[in-house]
N, C-alpha and C. Protein backbone atom coordinates (compact mmCIF):
# COMPACT_ATOMS: atom_id res chain seq x y z
N MET A 1 0.93 -1.45 0.09
CA MET A 1 0.16 -0.16 -0.07
C MET A 1 0.81 1.38 0.00
N SER A 2 2.22 1.09 -0.56
CA SER A 2 3.11 2.35 -0.48
C SER A 2 2.68 2.92 -1.72
N VAL A 3 3.44 4.26 -1.53
CA VAL A 3 3.59 5.40 -2.79
C VAL A 3 4.91 5.71 -3.02
N VAL A 4 5.26 5.57 -4.47
CA VAL A 4 6.63 6.07 -4.76
C VAL A 4 6.16 7.50 -5.27
N VAL A 5 7.25 8.64 -5.09
CA VAL A 5 6.98 9.85 -5.09
C VAL A 5 8.22 10.38 -6.17
N LEU A 6 7.72 10.77 -7.04
CA LEU A 6 8.71 11.58 -8.04
C LEU A 6 8.78 13.07 -7.91
N ILE A 7 10.30 13.46 -7.88
CA ILE A 7 10.37 14.56 -7.64
C ILE A 7 11.43 15.43 -8.69
N SER A 8 11.70 16.60 -8.78
CA SER A 8 12.54 17.30 -9.61
C SER A 8 13.71 18.03 -8.57
N GLY A 9 12.59 18.51 -7.70
CA GLY A 9 13.38 20.10 -6.68
C GLY A 9 13.24 19.61 -5.31
N ARG A 10 12.55 20.83 -4.64
CA ARG A 10 12.77 20.99 -3.20
C ARG A 10 12.05 19.65 -2.45
N GLY A 11 10.98 19.31 -2.58
CA GLY A 11 10.05 18.36 -2.12
C GLY A 11 9.35 18.83 -0.95
N SER A 12 8.74 20.00 -1.28
CA SER A 12 7.86 20.89 -0.20
C SER A 12 6.71 19.55 -0.15
N ASN A 13 5.98 19.19 -1.03
CA ASN A 13 4.83 18.48 -0.85
C ASN A 13 5.05 16.93 -0.56
N LEU A 14 6.31 16.81 -0.79
CA LEU A 14 7.22 15.10 -0.28
C LEU A 14 7.13 15.56 1.16
N GLN A 15 7.79 16.57 1.66
CA GLN A 15 7.56 16.53 3.24
C GLN A 15 6.27 16.84 3.74
N ALA A 16 5.38 17.44 3.19
CA ALA A 16 3.82 17.51 3.63
C ALA A 16 3.14 15.84 3.97
N MET A 17 3.71 15.26 2.73
CA MET A 17 3.04 13.58 2.78
C MET A 17 3.49 13.02 3.92
N LEU A 18 5.11 13.32 3.93
CA LEU A 18 5.79 12.33 5.14
C LEU A 18 5.42 12.80 6.54
N ASP A 19 4.94 14.28 6.61
CA ASP A 19 4.52 14.64 7.86
C ASP A 19 3.01 14.23 8.23
N ALA A 20 2.42 13.69 7.30
CA ALA A 20 0.88 13.31 7.35
C ALA A 20 1.09 11.99 7.53
N GLY A 21 2.39 11.04 7.38
CA GLY A 21 2.53 9.64 7.94
C GLY A 21 2.01 8.91 6.46
N ILE A 22 1.74 9.53 5.21
CA ILE A 22 1.68 8.92 4.28
C ILE A 22 2.69 7.58 3.82
N PRO A 23 2.70 6.75 3.73
CA PRO A 23 3.41 5.51 3.50
C PRO A 23 4.52 5.51 2.35
N VAL A 24 5.76 6.32 2.14
CA VAL A 24 6.55 6.65 1.04
C VAL A 24 7.51 5.66 1.25
N SER A 25 7.38 4.77 0.08
CA SER A 25 8.49 3.68 0.22
C SER A 25 9.99 4.10 -0.63
N ALA A 26 9.89 5.26 -1.40
CA ALA A 26 10.64 5.24 -2.32
C ALA A 26 10.63 6.96 -2.73
N VAL A 27 11.55 7.53 -3.10
CA VAL A 27 11.65 8.94 -3.69
C VAL A 27 12.49 8.77 -5.09
N ILE A 28 12.30 9.01 -6.01
CA ILE A 28 12.88 9.06 -7.38
C ILE A 28 12.87 10.58 -7.99
N SER A 29 14.18 10.92 -8.48
CA SER A 29 14.49 12.31 -9.16
C SER A 29 14.68 12.19 -10.11
N ASN A 30 14.62 12.83 -11.17
CA ASN A 30 15.47 13.22 -12.57
C ASN A 30 16.60 14.11 -12.62
N ARG A 31 16.77 14.43 -11.31
CA ARG A 31 17.73 15.39 -10.85
C ARG A 31 18.71 15.10 -9.86
N VAL A 32 19.88 14.86 -9.78
CA VAL A 32 20.78 14.59 -8.66
C VAL A 32 20.94 15.57 -7.94
N ASP A 33 20.44 17.04 -7.95
CA ASP A 33 20.66 18.10 -7.29
C ASP A 33 19.28 18.34 -6.37
N ALA A 34 18.39 17.55 -6.76
CA ALA A 34 17.03 17.79 -5.72
C ALA A 34 17.27 17.79 -4.64
N ALA A 35 16.59 18.97 -3.88
CA ALA A 35 16.77 18.99 -2.36
C ALA A 35 15.87 17.88 -1.93
N GLY A 36 14.88 17.66 -2.59
CA GLY A 36 14.06 16.56 -1.67
C GLY A 36 14.61 15.12 -2.14
N LEU A 37 15.75 14.84 -2.23
CA LEU A 37 16.22 13.71 -2.14
C LEU A 37 17.03 13.74 -0.63
N ALA A 38 17.91 14.89 -0.29
CA ALA A 38 18.45 14.87 1.16
C ALA A 38 17.09 14.76 2.15
N LEU A 39 16.19 15.43 2.06
CA LEU A 39 15.00 15.22 2.93
C LEU A 39 14.50 13.97 3.07
N ALA A 40 14.28 13.20 1.57
CA ALA A 40 14.12 12.00 1.95
C ALA A 40 14.81 10.83 2.90
N ALA A 41 16.30 11.38 2.27
CA ALA A 41 17.40 10.34 3.22
C ALA A 41 17.30 10.67 4.55
N ARG A 42 16.87 11.97 5.13
CA ARG A 42 17.23 12.25 6.52
C ARG A 42 15.62 11.35 7.23
N ARG A 43 14.70 11.14 6.65
CA ARG A 43 13.41 10.80 6.86
C ARG A 43 13.47 9.01 6.83
N GLY A 44 14.77 8.31 6.35
CA GLY A 44 14.90 7.35 6.18
C GLY A 44 14.23 6.51 4.94
N VAL A 45 13.83 7.35 4.12
CA VAL A 45 13.08 6.96 2.86
C VAL A 45 14.37 6.58 1.65
N ALA A 46 14.01 5.60 0.84
CA ALA A 46 14.88 4.87 -0.24
C ALA A 46 14.61 6.46 -1.39
N THR A 47 16.09 6.35 -1.69
CA THR A 47 15.83 7.27 -2.69
C THR A 47 16.70 6.56 -3.87
N ALA A 48 16.49 7.23 -5.19
CA ALA A 48 17.14 6.83 -6.34
C ALA A 48 17.11 8.04 -7.32
N VAL A 49 18.12 7.90 -8.12
CA VAL A 49 18.12 9.28 -9.30
C VAL A 49 18.40 8.58 -10.77
N ILE A 50 17.30 8.88 -11.52
CA ILE A 50 17.36 8.41 -12.78
C ILE A 50 17.31 9.89 -13.63
N GLU A 51 18.70 10.26 -14.10
CA GLU A 51 18.95 11.14 -14.85
C GLU A 51 18.44 11.37 -16.30
N HIS A 52 17.14 11.75 -16.68
CA HIS A 52 16.73 12.08 -17.87
C HIS A 52 18.03 12.45 -18.83
N GLY A 53 18.82 13.08 -18.83
CA GLY A 53 19.92 13.83 -19.85
C GLY A 53 20.78 12.54 -20.16
N ARG A 54 20.80 11.78 -19.41
CA ARG A 54 21.75 10.54 -19.58
C ARG A 54 21.19 9.51 -20.48
N TYR A 55 19.73 9.53 -21.22
CA TYR A 55 19.28 8.83 -22.07
C TYR A 55 18.93 9.50 -23.35
N ALA A 56 19.07 8.67 -24.26
CA ALA A 56 19.11 9.33 -25.88
C ALA A 56 17.52 9.74 -26.30
N THR A 57 16.41 8.91 -25.68
CA THR A 57 15.26 9.26 -25.38
C THR A 57 14.34 9.38 -24.28
N ARG A 58 12.99 9.97 -24.49
CA ARG A 58 12.25 10.15 -23.46
C ARG A 58 11.84 8.77 -23.12
N GLU A 59 11.53 7.70 -24.09
CA GLU A 59 11.23 6.34 -24.04
C GLU A 59 12.18 5.51 -22.94
N SER A 60 13.46 5.79 -23.56
CA SER A 60 14.51 5.08 -22.75
C SER A 60 14.52 5.49 -21.22
N PHE A 61 14.46 6.69 -21.03
CA PHE A 61 14.51 7.16 -19.94
C PHE A 61 13.45 6.55 -19.03
N GLU A 62 12.35 6.24 -19.44
CA GLU A 62 11.05 6.29 -18.76
C GLU A 62 10.91 4.68 -18.68
N ALA A 63 11.70 3.82 -19.38
CA ALA A 63 11.81 2.43 -19.12
C ALA A 63 12.86 2.38 -17.88
N ALA A 64 13.84 3.03 -17.96
CA ALA A 64 14.88 3.15 -16.55
C ALA A 64 13.82 3.43 -15.66
N LEU A 65 13.10 4.48 -15.72
CA LEU A 65 12.19 5.19 -14.44
C LEU A 65 11.15 3.86 -14.03
N ALA A 66 10.60 3.21 -14.93
CA ALA A 66 9.57 2.24 -14.74
C ALA A 66 10.21 1.08 -13.97
N GLN A 67 11.50 0.90 -14.29
CA GLN A 67 12.25 -0.41 -13.78
C GLN A 67 12.41 -0.05 -12.39
N GLU A 68 12.97 1.24 -12.07
CA GLU A 68 12.87 1.56 -10.50
C GLU A 68 11.63 1.64 -9.82
N ILE A 69 10.60 2.14 -10.28
CA ILE A 69 9.45 1.99 -9.61
C ILE A 69 8.82 0.73 -9.20
N ASP A 70 8.96 -0.07 -10.32
CA ASP A 70 8.46 -1.57 -10.19
C ASP A 70 9.14 -2.32 -9.42
N ARG A 71 10.16 -1.60 -9.07
CA ARG A 71 10.87 -2.51 -8.07
C ARG A 71 10.33 -2.40 -6.53
N ARG A 72 9.71 -1.18 -6.51
CA ARG A 72 8.78 -0.95 -5.05
C ARG A 72 7.38 -1.57 -4.92
N ALA A 73 7.14 -1.63 -6.38
CA ALA A 73 5.80 -2.61 -6.23
C ALA A 73 4.54 -1.50 -5.43
N PRO A 74 4.59 0.07 -5.93
CA PRO A 74 3.57 0.61 -5.12
C PRO A 74 2.46 0.84 -5.51
N ARG A 75 1.43 0.65 -4.51
CA ARG A 75 0.10 1.14 -4.77
C ARG A 75 -0.33 2.24 -5.71
N LEU A 76 0.79 3.19 -5.26
CA LEU A 76 0.43 4.67 -6.03
C LEU A 76 1.60 5.40 -6.31
N ILE A 77 1.92 6.17 -7.52
CA ILE A 77 2.85 7.17 -7.89
C ILE A 77 2.29 8.34 -7.77
N ALA A 78 3.29 9.55 -6.73
CA ALA A 78 2.51 10.82 -6.98
C ALA A 78 3.41 11.79 -7.26
N LEU A 79 3.64 12.58 -8.01
CA LEU A 79 4.10 13.70 -9.06
C LEU A 79 4.26 14.70 -7.90
N ALA A 80 5.27 14.95 -7.52
CA ALA A 80 5.29 16.23 -6.67
C ALA A 80 6.33 17.34 -7.20
N GLY A 81 6.36 18.15 -8.11
CA GLY A 81 7.07 18.94 -8.71
C GLY A 81 7.94 18.03 -9.69
N PHE A 82 7.81 17.10 -10.28
CA PHE A 82 8.51 16.23 -11.33
C PHE A 82 8.22 16.78 -12.68
N MET A 83 9.55 17.69 -12.94
CA MET A 83 9.21 18.51 -14.05
C MET A 83 9.48 18.00 -15.45
N ARG A 84 9.10 16.78 -15.46
CA ARG A 84 8.95 16.04 -16.75
C ARG A 84 7.84 15.64 -17.42
N VAL A 85 7.41 15.89 -18.65
CA VAL A 85 6.10 15.24 -19.45
C VAL A 85 6.39 13.92 -19.77
N LEU A 86 5.44 13.12 -19.00
CA LEU A 86 5.37 11.76 -19.35
C LEU A 86 4.51 11.26 -20.56
N THR A 87 5.11 10.30 -21.20
CA THR A 87 4.59 9.78 -22.60
C THR A 87 3.28 8.98 -22.37
N PRO A 88 2.45 9.04 -23.58
CA PRO A 88 1.31 8.21 -23.34
C PRO A 88 1.48 6.88 -22.78
N GLY A 89 2.69 6.25 -23.41
CA GLY A 89 2.93 4.79 -22.99
C GLY A 89 3.20 4.48 -21.65
N PHE A 90 3.95 5.77 -20.95
CA PHE A 90 4.21 5.39 -19.38
C PHE A 90 3.04 5.69 -19.08
N VAL A 91 2.19 6.55 -19.13
CA VAL A 91 0.85 6.89 -18.27
C VAL A 91 -0.17 5.51 -18.51
N ALA A 92 -0.01 5.06 -19.44
CA ALA A 92 -0.92 3.61 -19.87
C ALA A 92 -0.69 2.64 -19.11
N ARG A 93 0.91 2.63 -18.86
CA ARG A 93 1.26 1.48 -18.05
C ARG A 93 0.88 1.41 -16.35
N TYR A 94 0.74 2.81 -15.98
CA TYR A 94 0.46 3.05 -14.70
C TYR A 94 -0.95 3.58 -14.48
N ALA A 95 -1.75 3.13 -15.53
CA ALA A 95 -3.34 4.05 -15.61
C ALA A 95 -3.88 3.94 -14.29
N GLY A 96 -4.43 4.85 -13.85
CA GLY A 96 -5.30 4.89 -12.72
C GLY A 96 -4.49 4.65 -11.27
N ARG A 97 -3.03 4.84 -11.36
CA ARG A 97 -1.86 4.72 -10.46
C ARG A 97 -1.12 6.15 -10.26
N ILE A 98 -1.54 6.73 -10.93
CA ILE A 98 -0.52 7.89 -11.12
C ILE A 98 -1.50 9.35 -10.56
N VAL A 99 -0.77 9.83 -9.69
CA VAL A 99 -1.65 11.49 -9.42
C VAL A 99 -0.54 12.40 -9.39
N ASN A 100 -1.29 13.69 -9.50
CA ASN A 100 -0.34 14.95 -9.49
C ASN A 100 -0.99 16.01 -8.98
N ILE A 101 -0.46 16.96 -8.07
CA ILE A 101 -0.97 18.07 -7.98
C ILE A 101 -0.62 19.08 -8.58
N HIS A 102 -1.16 19.90 -9.16
CA HIS A 102 -1.29 21.15 -10.27
C HIS A 102 -1.78 22.67 -9.13
N PRO A 103 -1.04 23.55 -9.44
CA PRO A 103 -1.30 24.87 -8.80
C PRO A 103 -2.09 25.69 -9.69
N SER A 104 -3.35 25.19 -9.82
CA SER A 104 -4.21 26.15 -10.45
C SER A 104 -5.86 25.51 -10.08
N LEU A 105 -6.88 26.25 -10.25
CA LEU A 105 -8.06 25.49 -10.16
C LEU A 105 -8.51 24.87 -11.53
N LEU A 106 -7.99 23.78 -11.91
CA LEU A 106 -8.18 23.05 -13.30
C LEU A 106 -9.81 22.77 -13.39
N PRO A 107 -10.22 23.27 -14.59
CA PRO A 107 -9.42 23.05 -15.88
C PRO A 107 -9.14 24.64 -16.08
N ALA A 108 -8.89 25.21 -15.28
CA ALA A 108 -7.98 26.79 -15.53
C ALA A 108 -7.12 26.54 -15.48
N PHE A 109 -5.97 27.27 -16.30
CA PHE A 109 -4.70 27.20 -16.31
C PHE A 109 -3.75 26.21 -16.32
N PRO A 110 -4.02 24.85 -17.05
CA PRO A 110 -3.41 23.93 -17.26
C PRO A 110 -1.72 24.66 -17.42
N GLY A 111 -0.87 23.54 -17.49
CA GLY A 111 0.77 23.99 -18.01
C GLY A 111 1.13 24.65 -16.76
N LEU A 112 2.13 25.58 -17.41
CA LEU A 112 3.30 26.41 -16.49
C LEU A 112 2.61 27.72 -16.02
N ASP A 113 3.37 28.56 -15.37
CA ASP A 113 3.11 30.14 -15.04
C ASP A 113 1.84 30.11 -14.69
N THR A 114 1.09 29.39 -13.92
CA THR A 114 -0.52 29.50 -13.73
C THR A 114 -0.49 30.59 -12.43
N HIS A 115 0.32 31.20 -11.87
CA HIS A 115 -0.09 32.19 -11.04
C HIS A 115 0.09 33.51 -11.48
N ALA A 116 0.94 33.73 -12.37
CA ALA A 116 1.11 35.08 -13.12
C ALA A 116 -0.38 34.83 -14.35
N ARG A 117 -0.60 33.45 -14.86
CA ARG A 117 -1.68 33.73 -15.66
C ARG A 117 -3.05 34.06 -14.85
N ALA A 118 -3.09 33.60 -13.87
CA ALA A 118 -4.49 33.99 -12.80
C ALA A 118 -4.42 35.48 -12.91
N LEU A 119 -3.37 35.99 -12.56
CA LEU A 119 -3.52 37.43 -11.98
C LEU A 119 -3.84 37.90 -13.52
N ALA A 120 -3.18 37.72 -14.36
CA ALA A 120 -3.50 38.23 -15.57
C ALA A 120 -4.58 38.37 -16.28
N ALA A 121 -5.24 36.86 -16.14
CA ALA A 121 -6.29 36.77 -16.03
C ALA A 121 -7.72 37.80 -15.40
N GLY A 122 -7.51 38.24 -14.26
CA GLY A 122 -8.23 38.62 -13.44
C GLY A 122 -9.07 37.97 -12.47
N ALA A 123 -8.53 36.72 -12.55
CA ALA A 123 -9.44 35.64 -11.44
C ALA A 123 -9.41 36.02 -10.15
N ALA A 124 -10.69 35.83 -9.62
CA ALA A 124 -10.85 36.24 -8.37
C ALA A 124 -10.38 35.21 -7.32
N ARG A 125 -10.39 33.89 -7.94
CA ARG A 125 -9.68 32.78 -6.89
C ARG A 125 -8.92 31.89 -7.77
N HIS A 126 -8.12 31.20 -6.91
CA HIS A 126 -7.18 30.52 -7.44
C HIS A 126 -6.87 29.53 -6.47
N GLY A 127 -5.91 28.59 -7.10
CA GLY A 127 -5.84 27.19 -5.92
C GLY A 127 -5.37 25.85 -6.54
N CYS A 128 -5.53 24.96 -6.18
CA CYS A 128 -4.67 23.79 -6.70
C CYS A 128 -5.90 22.79 -6.84
N THR A 129 -5.18 21.54 -7.51
CA THR A 129 -5.86 20.40 -7.84
C THR A 129 -4.95 19.25 -7.81
N VAL A 130 -5.75 18.38 -7.14
CA VAL A 130 -5.29 16.87 -7.39
C VAL A 130 -5.82 16.29 -8.19
N HIS A 131 -5.42 15.49 -9.15
CA HIS A 131 -5.70 14.52 -10.32
C HIS A 131 -5.19 13.33 -11.01
N PHE A 132 -5.77 12.69 -11.16
CA PHE A 132 -5.20 11.43 -11.96
C PHE A 132 -4.36 12.12 -13.36
N VAL A 133 -3.22 11.49 -13.33
CA VAL A 133 -2.62 11.64 -14.38
C VAL A 133 -3.02 10.84 -15.77
N THR A 134 -3.37 11.64 -16.90
CA THR A 134 -3.53 11.18 -18.13
C THR A 134 -2.77 11.49 -19.28
N ALA A 135 -2.96 11.01 -20.31
CA ALA A 135 -1.77 11.38 -21.38
C ALA A 135 -1.93 12.89 -22.04
N GLU A 136 -3.27 13.38 -21.54
CA GLU A 136 -3.43 14.54 -21.82
C GLU A 136 -3.22 15.67 -20.61
N ILE A 137 -1.93 16.31 -20.64
CA ILE A 137 -1.27 17.02 -19.76
C ILE A 137 -2.50 17.93 -18.93
N ASP A 138 -2.43 17.73 -17.44
CA ASP A 138 -3.18 18.43 -16.39
C ASP A 138 -4.99 18.49 -16.78
N HIS A 139 -5.20 17.28 -17.44
CA HIS A 139 -6.36 16.91 -17.94
C HIS A 139 -7.38 15.84 -17.22
N GLY A 140 -6.53 15.16 -16.25
CA GLY A 140 -6.95 13.68 -15.97
C GLY A 140 -8.21 14.08 -14.68
N PRO A 141 -8.93 13.14 -14.35
CA PRO A 141 -9.99 13.23 -13.63
C PRO A 141 -9.66 13.84 -12.25
N ILE A 142 -10.49 15.02 -11.50
CA ILE A 142 -10.07 15.69 -10.52
C ILE A 142 -10.54 14.85 -9.12
N VAL A 143 -9.53 14.46 -8.35
CA VAL A 143 -9.87 14.19 -7.04
C VAL A 143 -10.23 15.27 -6.08
N ALA A 144 -9.56 16.33 -6.00
CA ALA A 144 -9.96 17.55 -5.13
C ALA A 144 -9.10 18.63 -5.45
N GLN A 145 -9.83 19.87 -4.87
CA GLN A 145 -9.38 21.30 -5.24
C GLN A 145 -9.63 21.94 -3.70
N ALA A 146 -8.66 22.80 -3.80
CA ALA A 146 -8.76 23.70 -2.59
C ALA A 146 -8.29 25.24 -3.13
N SER A 147 -9.03 26.22 -2.83
CA SER A 147 -8.86 27.64 -3.40
C SER A 147 -8.61 28.57 -2.40
N VAL A 148 -8.06 29.67 -2.89
CA VAL A 148 -7.79 30.96 -1.87
C VAL A 148 -8.32 32.35 -2.93
N PRO A 149 -8.49 33.10 -2.01
CA PRO A 149 -8.88 34.48 -2.77
C PRO A 149 -7.67 35.01 -3.25
N VAL A 150 -7.76 35.69 -4.60
CA VAL A 150 -6.88 36.57 -5.20
C VAL A 150 -7.03 37.88 -4.35
N GLN A 151 -5.87 38.22 -3.58
CA GLN A 151 -6.27 39.88 -3.02
C GLN A 151 -5.46 40.81 -3.78
N PRO A 152 -6.19 42.17 -3.62
CA PRO A 152 -5.45 43.06 -4.14
C PRO A 152 -3.85 43.48 -3.77
N GLY A 153 -3.25 43.66 -5.17
CA GLY A 153 -1.64 43.85 -4.55
C GLY A 153 -0.99 42.09 -4.44
N ASP A 154 -1.52 41.36 -5.02
CA ASP A 154 -1.01 39.86 -5.11
C ASP A 154 0.04 40.09 -6.26
N THR A 155 1.02 39.21 -6.01
CA THR A 155 2.16 39.28 -6.98
C THR A 155 1.95 37.44 -7.35
N ALA A 156 2.68 37.25 -8.24
CA ALA A 156 2.72 35.77 -8.70
C ALA A 156 3.34 35.05 -7.62
N GLU A 157 4.19 35.56 -6.62
CA GLU A 157 4.94 34.90 -5.45
C GLU A 157 3.94 34.90 -4.31
N THR A 158 3.28 36.07 -4.10
CA THR A 158 2.61 36.05 -2.54
C THR A 158 1.45 34.82 -3.22
N LEU A 159 1.05 35.03 -4.21
CA LEU A 159 -0.27 34.04 -4.68
C LEU A 159 0.09 32.57 -4.45
N ALA A 160 1.33 32.40 -4.98
CA ALA A 160 1.81 31.14 -5.15
C ALA A 160 2.26 30.71 -3.73
N ALA A 161 2.75 31.41 -2.63
CA ALA A 161 2.90 31.14 -1.55
C ALA A 161 1.68 30.42 -0.62
N ARG A 162 0.71 31.16 -0.94
CA ARG A 162 -0.97 31.04 -0.21
C ARG A 162 -1.40 29.68 -0.71
N VAL A 163 -0.72 29.67 -1.98
CA VAL A 163 -1.50 28.29 -2.88
C VAL A 163 -0.70 27.14 -2.47
N LEU A 164 0.54 27.14 -1.87
CA LEU A 164 1.50 26.18 -1.42
C LEU A 164 0.88 25.94 -0.14
N VAL A 165 0.35 26.51 0.43
CA VAL A 165 0.06 26.13 1.94
C VAL A 165 -1.10 25.18 1.88
N GLU A 166 -1.99 25.53 0.86
CA GLU A 166 -3.16 24.67 0.49
C GLU A 166 -2.84 23.26 0.13
N GLU A 167 -1.71 23.23 -1.13
CA GLU A 167 -1.04 22.18 -1.66
C GLU A 167 -0.73 21.11 -0.41
N HIS A 168 0.05 21.77 0.57
CA HIS A 168 0.55 20.75 1.52
C HIS A 168 -0.63 20.30 2.52
N GLN A 169 -1.58 20.74 2.68
CA GLN A 169 -2.67 20.10 3.24
C GLN A 169 -3.73 19.15 2.37
N LEU A 170 -3.84 19.71 0.97
CA LEU A 170 -4.83 19.00 0.17
C LEU A 170 -4.47 17.64 -0.28
N TYR A 171 -3.02 17.37 -0.75
CA TYR A 171 -2.13 16.61 -1.41
C TYR A 171 -2.12 15.15 -0.58
N PRO A 172 -1.58 15.29 0.62
CA PRO A 172 -1.58 14.12 1.48
C PRO A 172 -2.91 13.51 1.77
N ARG A 173 -4.07 14.35 1.95
CA ARG A 173 -5.42 14.24 2.55
C ARG A 173 -6.04 13.33 1.10
N ALA A 174 -5.70 13.61 -0.20
CA ALA A 174 -6.37 12.96 -1.41
C ALA A 174 -5.76 11.70 -1.32
N ILE A 175 -4.41 11.94 -1.23
CA ILE A 175 -3.58 10.25 -1.15
C ILE A 175 -4.16 9.40 -0.01
N ARG A 176 -4.19 9.48 1.20
CA ARG A 176 -5.01 8.98 1.72
C ARG A 176 -6.21 8.30 1.62
N TRP A 177 -7.07 9.49 0.65
CA TRP A 177 -8.63 8.68 0.18
C TRP A 177 -8.24 7.97 -0.70
N ILE A 178 -7.35 7.69 -1.35
CA ILE A 178 -6.94 6.75 -2.55
C ILE A 178 -6.57 5.55 -1.87
N LEU A 179 -5.46 5.64 -1.36
CA LEU A 179 -5.04 4.32 -0.52
C LEU A 179 -5.93 3.65 0.51
N ASP A 180 -7.06 4.38 1.12
CA ASP A 180 -7.95 3.83 1.82
C ASP A 180 -9.39 3.43 0.95
N GLY A 181 -8.90 3.31 -0.37
CA GLY A 181 -9.95 2.95 -1.24
C GLY A 181 -11.38 3.48 -1.41
N LEU A 182 -11.41 4.99 -1.12
CA LEU A 182 -12.60 5.66 -1.18
C LEU A 182 -12.76 6.46 -2.47
N VAL A 183 -11.71 6.16 -3.21
CA VAL A 183 -11.82 6.81 -4.39
C VAL A 183 -12.07 6.18 -5.56
N THR A 184 -13.02 6.22 -6.65
CA THR A 184 -13.08 5.39 -8.08
C THR A 184 -13.29 6.52 -9.06
N VAL A 185 -12.84 6.07 -9.96
CA VAL A 185 -13.28 6.76 -11.24
C VAL A 185 -14.23 5.73 -12.37
N GLU A 186 -15.19 6.76 -12.55
CA GLU A 186 -16.44 6.05 -13.68
C GLU A 186 -16.69 7.25 -14.41
N ASP A 187 -16.40 6.81 -16.03
CA ASP A 187 -16.53 7.55 -17.03
C ASP A 187 -16.02 8.77 -16.92
N GLY A 188 -14.57 8.82 -16.31
CA GLY A 188 -13.62 9.81 -16.24
C GLY A 188 -14.07 10.89 -14.97
N LYS A 189 -15.10 10.54 -14.50
CA LYS A 189 -15.44 11.39 -12.91
C LYS A 189 -14.91 10.59 -11.81
N VAL A 190 -14.42 11.12 -10.84
CA VAL A 190 -14.28 10.69 -9.73
C VAL A 190 -15.41 10.68 -8.79
N ARG A 191 -15.20 9.69 -7.87
CA ARG A 191 -16.43 9.65 -6.84
C ARG A 191 -15.87 9.25 -5.77
N ILE A 192 -16.31 9.93 -4.60
CA ILE A 192 -15.45 9.70 -3.30
C ILE A 192 -16.20 9.17 -2.21
N GLU A 193 -16.30 8.28 -1.67
CA GLU A 193 -17.11 7.79 -0.74
C GLU A 193 -17.00 8.22 0.73
N GLY A 194 -18.31 8.44 1.37
CA GLY A 194 -18.19 8.58 2.73
C GLY A 194 -18.15 10.18 2.92
N GLN A 195 -17.97 10.43 4.12
CA GLN A 195 -17.99 11.92 4.39
C GLN A 195 -16.79 13.21 3.59
N HIS A 196 -16.13 12.48 3.07
CA HIS A 196 -15.51 13.22 2.25
C HIS A 196 -15.94 13.63 0.93
N ALA A 197 -17.11 13.04 0.32
CA ALA A 197 -17.59 13.19 -0.94
C ALA A 197 -17.60 14.75 -1.12
């Protein structure tokens, strides 16, 4: 019933998972300098680095990544600031078992620079979304969302900071629902059982 977490950077959402007691069995990064690796090691979690730059193609990189994931036989793969676009083949291999947290209220603002784009669009609210990963980037079934008001004078940085606080609460909670068997996907829509619905 474990989770493998894929990271590329500091690992703040990873830390939130560990602090919440999510059973993380391994952390894998595509960057050897990702600060989240040291965080995981300090918490006694196994780590591995699969550097994408060492592989000639995305497919060969993902083959090595899949081999490392499969060694751990996780129930779930959680992307936490993993800055690589996954191929449809990789996503299909783990269909229904990969989740991501995206810093916007999807379907609004998929992709990068979400906070600046929300401000430029004059959005009244912004937030984050936990969703299952599909071949179409940032378009998978939505598990949960949290929002914050956009305040006068906000910058992309101040807005990002408030959204990150929500991410750290939402992501572990949604992962726990999935691990506890409370989440099902029917016709591309998520259903959550019990009081969390």
